[in-house]
Structures are given as structure tokens and as C-alpha cells.
Amino acid sequence: MADKHLSTQFDSELNGVSSRVMELGGMVESQIRQAVYALLQFDTDAAERVIETEPRVNAMEIEIDRELSSIIARRQPTARDLRLLIAISKTTANLERVGDEANKIARMVKSIIESGSARALPCTELRIAADLASGLLRKALDAFARLDTAGALSILKEDDLIDAEFDGFVRKLVTYMMEDPRTISPSLDLLFLAKAIERIGDHAKNIAEFIIYIVKGEDVRHTSMQEIESALK
């Protein structure tokens, strides 16, 4: 009976920390939406809201890690449960880094607006990549909540779409800089901004890999899609 009581407590603590991770994910998603809006509308106020949220994201990452450390110290979890806790910690770290990328986008948007060159740059060309990255993060959070390996696999496959959008945008941006050297400085800001969007997709991909690790116990980082599909059978 005592073992069952401890197990119930442990499950409750896991649910609590998982809810905190989802809360962090929601906060980071909001940052991305605000950052993309700031980019497409050249809205300095929206960019400022993203930047102001950053300390809260950082604080929540620290709180979640503290909770995880406490659970590990008190519960001495089994191998599978420890795997889950480690994956939650890594997922939290990736969400915080997504917040960093959103913060970076917001700061670059402010720089581009202040340069006075915003209207001359192909900012709206980034809408597709931004929508893809935001969508991947949402799917990653949904898959994490359900520990859905099929959803995780879908995310891994979709990440290539963002990479292709980024490559195409870079080619277009180089053309802009060659045609008008005055746009070189703000174009470089836009290039770093595009890279930040691509990195959001990478972090969503990382979260998908952790989901597979939790469920299957297989570390699928740096492995081929064929090997990942084989691990999920």
C-alpha cells in the first residue's frame, strides 16, 4: 500500500512538472507569434513585448529544472522514469532556446525598423518559414503532451521544409544586396533573423526526438530517417 501511495505521489509530481513545461511552451509560442507579427507589420511595440517576456521564460526554465532535481533526489526514479525526467529537462532547455530565438527576432526587427530600410527588404518572404516553424513547435508540444511518436516522426520529416525555405530566402537576399549595396547592413540583420526562424524548427525537431526517447528508449539523434522509422516499428 505504501508503494502505491509513493507511486501516486510521483505521478502527481510528474503531471505537475509536465503542466509547467506546457505552460512554458505556451509562453514561448506567444513570443513567436508576437515576433512574427512585429516582423510583418514593422511593429516596434510588439517587438518590445517579446523582449519583456524573456526574463519570465528564463525564470520558468530554472524553476522547472529545480523541480526535476528535487523529484530525482527524493524519488530515486527507475530507469524509465529517469529517462522521462531527463527528456523533460532537455525539452525545457529547448523551449527556453526557442524563446531566445524569438527574442533575437524581436531585436533584429527593431534594428531593421530603426535603419529605415524595412520597406525595401523582402521581410514578408519569411512568412512561410515563420508559419512552418511556429506550426512545428505547436505540433511538438501536442506530441509531447500525448507522448505521440507518430506525431514526433511527422515533425522530423517536416523540418526539411523549413531548411528549404531558408535556403531559398538566402538566395533572394543575396540578390537584393547585389542590386542595392545600401541594403547590405539591414539585409544581414534579416539574414540572422531568418536563421533564428530556422533554429526554432530545429528545436521543435529536438523535442520530437526526446519524445521518441521517452517512449521507445531509443536515442535517435544524428540518425537517418530510415533508422528512426525502424526504431518506431
Protein backbone atom coordinates (compact mmCIF):
# COMPACT_ATOMS: atom_id res chain seq x y z
CA MET A 1 0.00 0.00 0.00
CA ALA A 2 2.87 2.36 0.85
CA ASP A 3 4.45 1.67 -2.56
CA LYS A 4 1.18 2.53 -4.27
CA HIS A 5 0.98 5.76 -2.25
CA LEU A 6 4.50 6.73 -3.30
CA SER A 7 3.71 5.88 -6.93
CA THR A 8 0.62 8.09 -6.83
CA GLN A 9 2.64 10.96 -5.38
CA PHE A 10 5.31 10.51 -8.04
CA ASP A 11 2.70 10.51 -10.82
CA SER A 12 1.19 13.68 -9.37
CA GLU A 13 4.60 15.37 -9.30
CA LEU A 14 5.27 14.28 -12.90
CA ASN A 15 1.93 15.67 -14.02
CA GLY A 16 2.70 18.90 -12.23
CA VAL A 17 6.06 19.40 -13.88
CA SER A 18 4.68 18.37 -17.28
CA SER A 19 1.98 21.04 -16.90
CA ARG A 20 4.71 23.59 -16.16
CA VAL A 21 6.51 22.57 -19.35
CA MET A 22 3.31 23.08 -21.35
CA GLU A 23 2.86 26.47 -19.68
CA LEU A 24 6.39 27.40 -20.72
CA GLY A 25 5.63 26.17 -24.23
CA GLY A 26 2.56 28.39 -24.40
CA MET A 27 4.58 31.39 -23.29
CA VAL A 28 7.23 30.73 -25.92
CA GLU A 29 4.59 30.23 -28.62
CA SER A 30 3.17 33.64 -27.74
CA GLN A 31 6.65 35.13 -28.10
CA ILE A 32 7.00 33.66 -31.58
CA ARG A 33 3.59 34.99 -32.67
CA GLN A 34 4.45 38.47 -31.40
CA ALA A 35 7.89 38.38 -33.03
CA VAL A 36 6.50 37.33 -36.41
CA TYR A 37 3.76 39.97 -36.16
CA ALA A 38 6.42 42.57 -35.37
CA LEU A 39 8.36 41.47 -38.46
CA LEU A 40 5.44 41.50 -40.86
CA GLN A 41 3.85 44.72 -39.54
CA PHE A 42 7.09 46.54 -38.64
CA ASP A 43 5.65 46.94 -35.14
CA THR A 44 8.17 48.09 -32.54
CA ASP A 45 5.70 47.69 -29.66
CA ALA A 46 5.14 44.01 -30.50
CA ALA A 47 8.91 43.50 -30.61
CA GLU A 48 9.23 45.13 -27.18
CA ARG A 49 6.61 42.76 -25.73
CA VAL A 50 8.68 39.78 -26.88
CA ILE A 51 11.81 41.18 -25.25
CA GLU A 52 9.96 41.93 -22.00
CA THR A 53 8.77 38.30 -21.75
CA GLU A 54 12.30 36.86 -21.95
CA PRO A 55 13.12 37.11 -18.19
CA ARG A 56 9.92 35.20 -17.33
CA VAL A 57 10.87 32.40 -19.75
CA ASN A 58 14.35 32.15 -18.24
CA ALA A 59 12.95 32.09 -14.70
CA MET A 60 10.47 29.34 -15.55
CA GLU A 61 13.23 27.16 -17.05
CA ILE A 62 15.16 27.44 -13.78
CA GLU A 63 12.05 26.64 -11.72
CA ILE A 64 11.27 23.53 -13.76
CA ASP A 65 14.87 22.29 -13.51
CA ARG A 66 14.74 22.84 -9.74
CA GLU A 67 11.54 20.78 -9.53
CA LEU A 68 13.09 17.99 -11.61
CA SER A 69 16.20 17.89 -9.43
CA SER A 70 14.02 17.69 -6.32
CA ILE A 71 11.98 14.80 -7.76
CA ILE A 72 15.13 12.86 -8.71
CA ALA A 73 16.67 13.39 -5.27
CA ARG A 74 13.55 12.39 -3.34
CA ARG A 75 12.08 9.63 -5.51
CA GLN A 76 15.19 7.90 -6.89
CA PRO A 77 13.25 7.01 -10.06
CA THR A 78 13.60 3.78 -12.03
CA ALA A 79 15.43 3.78 -15.38
CA ARG A 80 12.30 4.54 -17.45
CA ASP A 81 11.13 7.31 -15.12
CA LEU A 82 14.62 8.79 -15.02
CA ARG A 83 14.64 8.77 -18.82
CA LEU A 84 11.38 10.71 -18.77
CA LEU A 85 12.72 13.29 -16.32
CA ILE A 86 15.90 13.79 -18.35
CA ALA A 87 13.87 14.23 -21.54
CA ILE A 88 11.60 16.76 -19.81
CA SER A 89 14.68 18.72 -18.74
CA LYS A 90 16.07 18.71 -22.28
CA THR A 91 12.67 19.72 -23.68
CA THR A 92 12.55 22.63 -21.23
CA ALA A 93 16.02 23.74 -22.34
CA ASN A 94 14.94 23.67 -25.98
CA LEU A 95 11.83 25.71 -25.23
CA GLU A 96 13.95 28.31 -23.46
CA ARG A 97 16.19 28.47 -26.52
CA VAL A 98 13.14 28.98 -28.73
CA GLY A 99 12.39 31.96 -26.51
CA ASP A 100 15.95 33.15 -27.12
CA GLU A 101 15.38 32.93 -30.87
CA ALA A 102 12.09 34.86 -30.60
CA ASN A 103 13.92 37.48 -28.56
CA LYS A 104 16.61 37.63 -31.23
CA ILE A 105 13.99 38.10 -33.95
CA ALA A 106 12.39 40.95 -31.98
CA ARG A 107 15.72 42.73 -31.54
CA MET A 108 16.57 42.33 -35.22
CA VAL A 109 13.15 43.69 -36.20
CA LYS A 110 13.79 46.78 -34.07
CA SER A 111 17.19 47.23 -35.69
CA ILE A 112 15.72 46.92 -39.21
CA ILE A 113 12.93 49.40 -38.42
CA GLU A 114 15.41 51.88 -36.95
CA SER A 115 17.60 51.59 -40.07
CA GLY A 116 14.73 52.97 -42.17
CA SER A 117 15.18 50.19 -44.74
CA ALA A 118 12.34 47.91 -43.65
CA ARG A 119 10.06 48.55 -46.63
CA ALA A 120 12.89 47.92 -49.07
CA LEU A 121 13.57 44.41 -47.75
CA PRO A 122 11.72 41.15 -48.55
CA CYS A 123 10.52 40.70 -44.95
CA THR A 124 7.18 39.21 -45.97
CA GLU A 125 9.06 36.43 -47.79
CA LEU A 126 9.75 34.96 -44.36
CA ARG A 127 6.06 34.41 -43.58
CA ILE A 128 6.03 30.82 -44.89
CA ALA A 129 9.13 29.80 -42.94
CA ALA A 130 7.82 31.53 -39.81
CA ASP A 131 4.44 29.79 -40.11
CA LEU A 132 6.17 26.44 -40.63
CA ALA A 133 8.42 26.93 -37.59
CA SER A 134 5.54 28.06 -35.38
CA GLY A 135 3.42 25.14 -36.57
CA LEU A 136 6.19 22.64 -35.87
CA LEU A 137 6.57 23.91 -32.32
CA ARG A 138 2.81 23.61 -31.73
CA LYS A 139 2.88 20.04 -33.08
CA ALA A 140 5.89 19.23 -30.90
CA LEU A 141 4.08 20.45 -27.78
CA ASP A 142 0.94 18.49 -28.71
CA ALA A 143 3.00 15.35 -29.33
CA PHE A 144 4.86 15.87 -26.05
CA ALA A 145 1.58 16.17 -24.13
CA ARG A 146 0.38 12.84 -25.59
CA LEU A 147 3.80 11.16 -25.95
CA ASP A 148 2.80 10.62 -29.57
CA THR A 149 5.65 9.01 -31.52
CA ALA A 150 3.75 9.16 -34.83
CA GLY A 151 3.38 12.91 -34.38
CA ALA A 152 7.06 13.16 -33.48
CA LEU A 153 8.05 11.33 -36.66
CA SER A 154 5.93 13.72 -38.72
CA ILE A 155 7.77 16.68 -37.19
CA LEU A 156 11.16 15.20 -38.06
CA LYS A 157 10.08 14.87 -41.68
CA GLU A 158 8.65 18.40 -41.89
CA ASP A 159 11.78 20.11 -40.58
CA ASP A 160 13.36 19.81 -44.05
CA LEU A 161 10.68 22.17 -45.41
CA ILE A 162 11.92 25.00 -43.18
CA ASP A 163 15.51 24.35 -44.25
CA ALA A 164 14.45 24.60 -47.92
CA GLU A 165 12.61 27.89 -47.26
CA PHE A 166 15.68 29.28 -45.52
CA ASP A 167 17.99 28.34 -48.41
CA GLY A 168 15.65 29.97 -50.93
CA PHE A 169 15.37 33.13 -48.84
CA VAL A 170 19.15 33.45 -48.55
CA ARG A 171 19.49 33.33 -52.34
CA LYS A 172 16.86 36.05 -52.70
CA LEU A 173 18.51 38.20 -50.05
CA VAL A 174 21.89 37.98 -51.79
CA THR A 175 20.22 39.31 -54.94
CA TYR A 176 18.84 42.28 -53.00
CA MET A 177 22.27 43.12 -51.61
CA MET A 178 23.92 42.87 -55.02
CA GLU A 179 21.31 45.15 -56.63
CA ASP A 180 21.47 47.79 -53.88
CA PRO A 181 24.59 47.82 -51.65
CA ARG A 182 22.81 50.27 -49.31
CA THR A 183 20.66 47.37 -48.10
CA ILE A 184 23.65 45.23 -47.05
CA SER A 185 23.59 46.13 -43.34
CA PRO A 186 19.81 45.67 -42.75
CA SER A 187 19.88 42.63 -45.05
CA LEU A 188 22.41 41.00 -42.74
CA ASP A 189 20.05 41.64 -39.83
CA LEU A 190 17.32 39.96 -41.85
CA LEU A 191 19.63 37.03 -42.60
CA PHE A 192 20.29 36.45 -38.89
CA LEU A 193 16.56 36.79 -38.30
CA ALA A 194 15.84 34.11 -40.91
CA LYS A 195 18.40 31.86 -39.25
CA ALA A 196 16.62 32.33 -35.93
CA ILE A 197 13.38 31.13 -37.54
CA GLU A 198 15.17 28.08 -38.89
CA ARG A 199 16.55 27.36 -35.42
CA ILE A 200 13.03 27.35 -33.97
CA GLY A 201 12.29 24.46 -36.33
CA ASP A 202 15.47 22.71 -35.16
CA HIS A 203 14.37 22.97 -31.51
CA ALA A 204 10.94 21.55 -32.39
CA LYS A 205 12.78 18.68 -34.06
CA ASN A 206 14.86 18.13 -30.91
CA ILE A 207 11.69 17.92 -28.80
CA ALA A 208 10.29 15.32 -31.23
CA GLU A 209 13.46 13.24 -30.80
CA PHE A 210 13.07 13.38 -26.99
CA ILE A 211 9.50 12.09 -27.31
CA ILE A 212 10.79 9.02 -29.13
CA TYR A 213 13.48 8.62 -26.47
CA ILE A 214 10.88 8.71 -23.69
CA VAL A 215 8.55 6.18 -25.31
CA LYS A 216 10.98 3.81 -27.03
CA GLY A 217 14.18 4.31 -25.05
CA GLU A 218 15.99 4.91 -28.33
CA ASP A 219 18.28 7.91 -28.80
CA VAL A 220 17.53 8.86 -32.42
CA ARG A 221 19.66 11.99 -32.58
CA HIS A 222 22.05 12.07 -35.54
CA THR A 223 20.42 9.02 -37.12
CA SER A 224 18.82 8.59 -40.54
CA MET A 225 15.08 8.74 -41.11
CA GLN A 226 15.15 5.07 -42.09
CA GLU A 227 16.74 4.14 -38.75
CA ILE A 228 14.20 6.25 -36.84
CA GLU A 229 11.27 4.63 -38.65
CA SER A 230 12.77 1.23 -37.88
CA ALA A 231 13.06 2.12 -34.17
CA LEU A 232 9.38 3.03 -34.07
CA LYS A 233 8.15 -0.28 -35.50
